[in-house]
Amino acid sequence: MLRAFAPLINNPAVKIDVRTVAEAVKHEQRESKSPETAVREVEVANGRIPADLELRTYLSARLVGTDAIDQEISRYAGRVMGHSRQALLQASALKSLIERFSPEEIRALAPEARDKWLAMVREHTLSYRREVAALRRELRPIFYRSADTTTETFSEANAVLAAERLLQLSYATDDAVRSAFTISADGRTTDSIKSEQFWRSLSRAEKLAEQIQNVYQK
């Protein structure tokens, strides 16, 4: 199981904790008896996500009834956050793969090993592009703001920098998405996902992932 999770282990956004049932039960018992356990009460002004108003206005033209709209808002928020988080995980796995070998080391690999490595890079890149495309489709009808974007170019020699840049853009995107679709008491808003900067970053990430795919297509 740990080998399967290897591409994600060093991702600061992911915590991997594998235990047997007995270990988990023992841990819970220790936690419940710990004198340091504290309960913190957080009061949230209302139970609605920051994007509720925009979503409710948009869905009111398509759905009838508060319950139906509430249910669709919940499903929509879940889909959007799911696409964003999956894109982030794919970007992290991609960075780990690309950092593993230098261009010289890749060329020195046995053909079978090199083909397997390239296939993994392409798989994560394609998965990333699918998730970002799905995220864009979900957000665009409601939150889109036009934004000019410049294309960042790179070669195999600086692919590590490209993968690092892609991960940075993915973290920024995920933070903006969670700010808009997570209930919290810290005054989060939809300002980020409605900004030109957000849409510019999303476009740059898509183009960067496409370039990474093209470089490792050979």
Protein backbone atom coordinates (compact mmCIF):
# COMPACT_ATOMS: atom_id res chain seq x y z
CA MET A 1 0.00 0.00 0.00
CA LEU A 2 2.80 2.41 0.83
CA ARG A 3 4.46 1.69 -2.53
CA ALA A 4 1.17 2.52 -4.26
CA PHE A 5 1.00 5.82 -2.38
CA ALA A 6 4.68 6.64 -3.06
CA PRO A 7 4.03 9.53 -5.51
CA LEU A 8 1.92 11.29 -2.86
CA ILE A 9 3.91 10.66 0.31
CA ASN A 10 5.97 13.87 0.05
CA ASN A 11 2.98 16.02 -0.85
CA PRO A 12 2.38 18.48 2.03
CA ALA A 13 -1.33 18.56 1.16
CA VAL A 14 -1.70 14.84 1.80
CA LYS A 15 -1.41 12.94 5.07
CA ILE A 16 -1.08 9.16 4.74
CA ASP A 17 -1.74 7.09 7.85
CA VAL A 18 -1.94 3.31 7.36
CA ARG A 19 -2.83 1.22 10.43
CA THR A 20 -4.26 -2.13 11.33
CA VAL A 21 -7.67 -2.20 12.99
CA ALA A 22 -6.05 -3.01 16.35
CA GLU A 23 -3.65 -0.06 16.03
CA ALA A 24 -6.47 2.31 15.13
CA VAL A 25 -8.59 1.22 18.11
CA LYS A 26 -5.64 1.59 20.47
CA HIS A 27 -4.92 5.09 19.10
CA GLU A 28 -8.54 6.18 19.60
CA GLN A 29 -8.50 4.92 23.17
CA ARG A 30 -5.33 6.90 23.92
CA GLU A 31 -6.79 10.04 22.34
CA SER A 32 -10.03 9.77 24.31
CA LYS A 33 -8.10 9.49 27.59
CA SER A 34 -5.61 12.24 26.83
CA PRO A 35 -5.87 15.15 29.33
CA GLU A 36 -4.60 17.51 26.65
CA THR A 37 -7.66 17.03 24.48
CA ALA A 38 -9.47 20.35 24.08
CA VAL A 39 -12.79 21.19 22.50
CA ARG A 40 -12.94 24.39 20.52
CA GLU A 41 -16.30 25.83 19.62
CA VAL A 42 -16.45 27.76 16.38
CA GLU A 43 -19.51 29.77 15.54
CA VAL A 44 -20.31 30.21 11.85
CA ALA A 45 -22.62 33.05 10.94
CA ASN A 46 -24.68 30.83 8.62
CA GLY A 47 -24.45 27.37 7.16
CA ARG A 48 -23.92 28.54 3.61
CA ILE A 49 -20.80 28.54 1.50
CA PRO A 50 -19.47 31.90 0.22
CA ALA A 51 -20.57 31.03 -3.35
CA ASP A 52 -24.15 30.36 -2.25
CA LEU A 53 -25.61 33.61 -3.60
CA GLU A 54 -24.09 33.24 -7.07
CA LEU A 55 -25.10 29.59 -7.29
CA ARG A 56 -28.61 30.22 -5.98
CA THR A 57 -29.15 33.00 -8.51
CA TYR A 58 -27.85 30.85 -11.36
CA LEU A 59 -29.82 27.74 -10.40
CA SER A 60 -33.07 29.58 -9.72
CA ALA A 61 -33.57 29.91 -13.46
CA ARG A 62 -33.24 26.14 -13.89
CA LEU A 63 -34.67 24.55 -10.75
CA VAL A 64 -37.87 25.02 -8.76
CA GLY A 65 -37.98 24.80 -5.00
CA THR A 66 -35.52 25.61 -2.24
CA ASP A 67 -34.78 21.97 -1.48
CA ALA A 68 -33.88 21.18 -5.08
CA ILE A 69 -31.60 24.22 -5.26
CA ASP A 70 -29.94 23.40 -1.93
CA GLN A 71 -29.24 19.84 -3.05
CA GLU A 72 -27.76 20.97 -6.37
CA ILE A 73 -25.57 23.56 -4.62
CA SER A 74 -24.21 20.81 -2.40
CA ARG A 75 -23.56 18.50 -5.36
CA TYR A 76 -22.00 21.32 -7.39
CA ALA A 77 -19.64 22.35 -4.57
CA GLY A 78 -18.60 18.72 -4.12
CA ARG A 79 -17.85 18.30 -7.83
CA VAL A 80 -15.85 21.51 -8.06
CA MET A 81 -13.75 20.80 -4.98
CA GLY A 82 -13.24 17.22 -6.14
CA HIS A 83 -11.90 18.30 -9.54
CA SER A 84 -9.64 20.90 -7.94
CA ARG A 85 -8.19 18.50 -5.36
CA GLN A 86 -7.66 15.73 -7.91
CA ALA A 87 -5.83 18.16 -10.20
CA LEU A 88 -3.60 19.14 -7.27
CA LEU A 89 -2.82 15.49 -6.48
CA GLN A 90 -2.00 14.76 -10.12
CA ALA A 91 0.30 17.80 -10.28
CA SER A 92 2.09 16.66 -7.12
CA ALA A 93 2.54 13.11 -8.44
CA LEU A 94 3.77 14.49 -11.77
CA LYS A 95 6.36 16.69 -10.05
CA SER A 96 7.66 13.70 -8.05
CA LEU A 97 8.00 11.62 -11.21
CA ILE A 98 9.80 14.30 -13.21
CA GLU A 99 12.17 15.08 -10.33
CA ARG A 100 13.12 11.42 -10.00
CA PHE A 101 15.46 11.39 -13.03
CA SER A 102 17.56 13.95 -14.89
CA PRO A 103 17.34 13.99 -18.73
CA GLU A 104 20.68 12.13 -18.84
CA GLU A 105 19.44 9.48 -16.41
CA ILE A 106 16.24 9.04 -18.41
CA ARG A 107 18.21 8.42 -21.59
CA ALA A 108 20.38 5.90 -19.74
CA LEU A 109 17.42 3.86 -18.57
CA ALA A 110 16.69 0.49 -20.14
CA PRO A 111 14.05 0.86 -22.89
CA GLU A 112 11.40 -0.99 -20.88
CA ALA A 113 11.98 1.13 -17.76
CA ARG A 114 12.04 4.35 -19.77
CA ASP A 115 8.78 3.47 -21.53
CA LYS A 116 7.13 2.71 -18.19
CA TRP A 117 8.30 6.00 -16.70
CA LEU A 118 7.12 7.98 -19.73
CA ALA A 119 3.75 6.23 -19.60
CA MET A 120 3.34 7.28 -15.97
CA VAL A 121 4.24 10.89 -16.77
CA ARG A 122 1.74 10.96 -19.63
CA GLU A 123 -0.95 9.34 -17.49
CA HIS A 124 -0.65 11.93 -14.73
CA THR A 125 -0.49 14.78 -17.25
CA LEU A 126 -3.62 13.59 -19.05
CA SER A 127 -5.43 13.12 -15.75
CA TYR A 128 -4.43 16.62 -14.68
CA ARG A 129 -5.70 18.11 -17.91
CA ARG A 130 -9.02 16.26 -17.61
CA GLU A 131 -9.58 17.50 -14.07
CA VAL A 132 -8.71 21.12 -14.90
CA ALA A 133 -10.93 21.02 -18.00
CA ALA A 134 -13.80 19.68 -15.89
CA LEU A 135 -13.18 22.38 -13.27
CA ARG A 136 -13.26 25.07 -15.95
CA ARG A 137 -16.53 23.71 -17.38
CA GLU A 138 -18.16 23.80 -13.96
CA LEU A 139 -17.01 27.29 -13.00
CA ARG A 140 -17.17 29.12 -16.33
CA PRO A 141 -20.96 29.65 -16.66
CA ILE A 142 -21.15 31.34 -13.25
CA PHE A 143 -17.79 32.82 -12.32
CA TYR A 144 -15.84 33.40 -15.54
CA ARG A 145 -13.84 36.58 -16.04
CA SER A 146 -11.94 37.09 -19.27
CA ALA A 147 -8.19 37.37 -18.87
CA ASP A 148 -5.24 37.58 -21.22
CA THR A 149 -2.60 34.95 -20.69
CA THR A 150 0.93 34.38 -21.84
CA THR A 151 2.30 30.95 -22.65
CA GLU A 152 5.20 29.69 -20.55
CA THR A 153 7.55 27.60 -22.66
CA PHE A 154 10.13 25.07 -21.54
CA SER A 155 12.14 22.10 -22.73
CA GLU A 156 13.02 18.72 -21.28
CA ALA A 157 16.12 20.29 -19.73
CA ASN A 158 14.05 22.44 -17.37
CA ALA A 159 11.06 20.12 -16.98
CA VAL A 160 11.55 20.08 -13.21
CA LEU A 161 10.95 23.83 -13.10
CA ALA A 162 7.85 23.39 -15.25
CA ALA A 163 6.47 20.70 -12.93
CA GLU A 164 7.18 22.90 -9.90
CA ARG A 165 5.40 25.82 -11.57
CA LEU A 166 2.42 23.60 -12.39
CA LEU A 167 2.17 22.51 -8.76
CA GLN A 168 2.32 26.12 -7.55
CA LEU A 169 -0.51 27.09 -9.89
CA SER A 170 -2.50 24.08 -8.71
CA TYR A 171 -2.11 25.04 -5.06
CA ALA A 172 -3.29 28.57 -5.85
CA THR A 173 -6.29 27.25 -7.78
CA ASP A 174 -7.26 24.82 -5.02
CA ASP A 175 -6.99 27.54 -2.37
CA ALA A 176 -9.28 29.83 -4.37
CA VAL A 177 -11.80 27.06 -4.95
CA ARG A 178 -11.91 26.07 -1.28
CA SER A 179 -12.25 29.69 -0.27
CA ALA A 180 -15.45 29.91 -2.32
CA PHE A 181 -16.97 26.49 -1.59
CA THR A 182 -16.10 25.73 2.05
CA ILE A 183 -18.16 26.87 5.03
CA SER A 184 -15.87 28.66 7.46
CA ALA A 185 -15.79 31.36 10.10
CA ASP A 186 -12.80 33.24 8.68
CA GLY A 187 -14.57 35.49 6.20
CA ARG A 188 -13.81 33.63 2.98
CA THR A 189 -15.32 34.95 -0.25
CA THR A 190 -15.69 34.23 -3.96
CA ASP A 191 -13.43 37.13 -4.90
CA SER A 192 -10.55 34.87 -5.93
CA ILE A 193 -12.44 32.63 -8.37
CA LYS A 194 -14.05 35.70 -9.95
CA SER A 195 -10.74 37.47 -10.48
CA GLU A 196 -8.82 37.76 -13.73
CA GLN A 197 -5.78 36.40 -11.91
CA PHE A 198 -7.58 33.13 -11.13
CA TRP A 199 -8.66 32.57 -14.72
CA ARG A 200 -5.26 33.59 -16.04
CA SER A 201 -3.59 31.07 -13.71
CA LEU A 202 -6.03 28.36 -14.74
CA SER A 203 -5.26 28.95 -18.42
CA ARG A 204 -1.52 28.97 -17.77
CA ALA A 205 -1.80 25.67 -15.89
CA GLU A 206 -3.69 24.06 -18.76
CA LYS A 207 -1.16 25.23 -21.33
CA LEU A 208 1.77 24.21 -19.14
CA ALA A 209 0.36 20.71 -18.68
CA GLU A 210 -0.15 20.44 -22.44
CA GLN A 211 3.48 21.40 -23.04
CA ILE A 212 4.70 18.84 -20.50
CA GLN A 213 2.65 16.20 -22.27
CA ASN A 214 4.08 17.18 -25.65
CA VAL A 215 7.68 17.05 -24.39
CA TYR A 216 7.24 13.54 -23.04
CA GLN A 217 5.16 12.33 -25.96
CA LYS A 218 8.29 11.21 -27.79
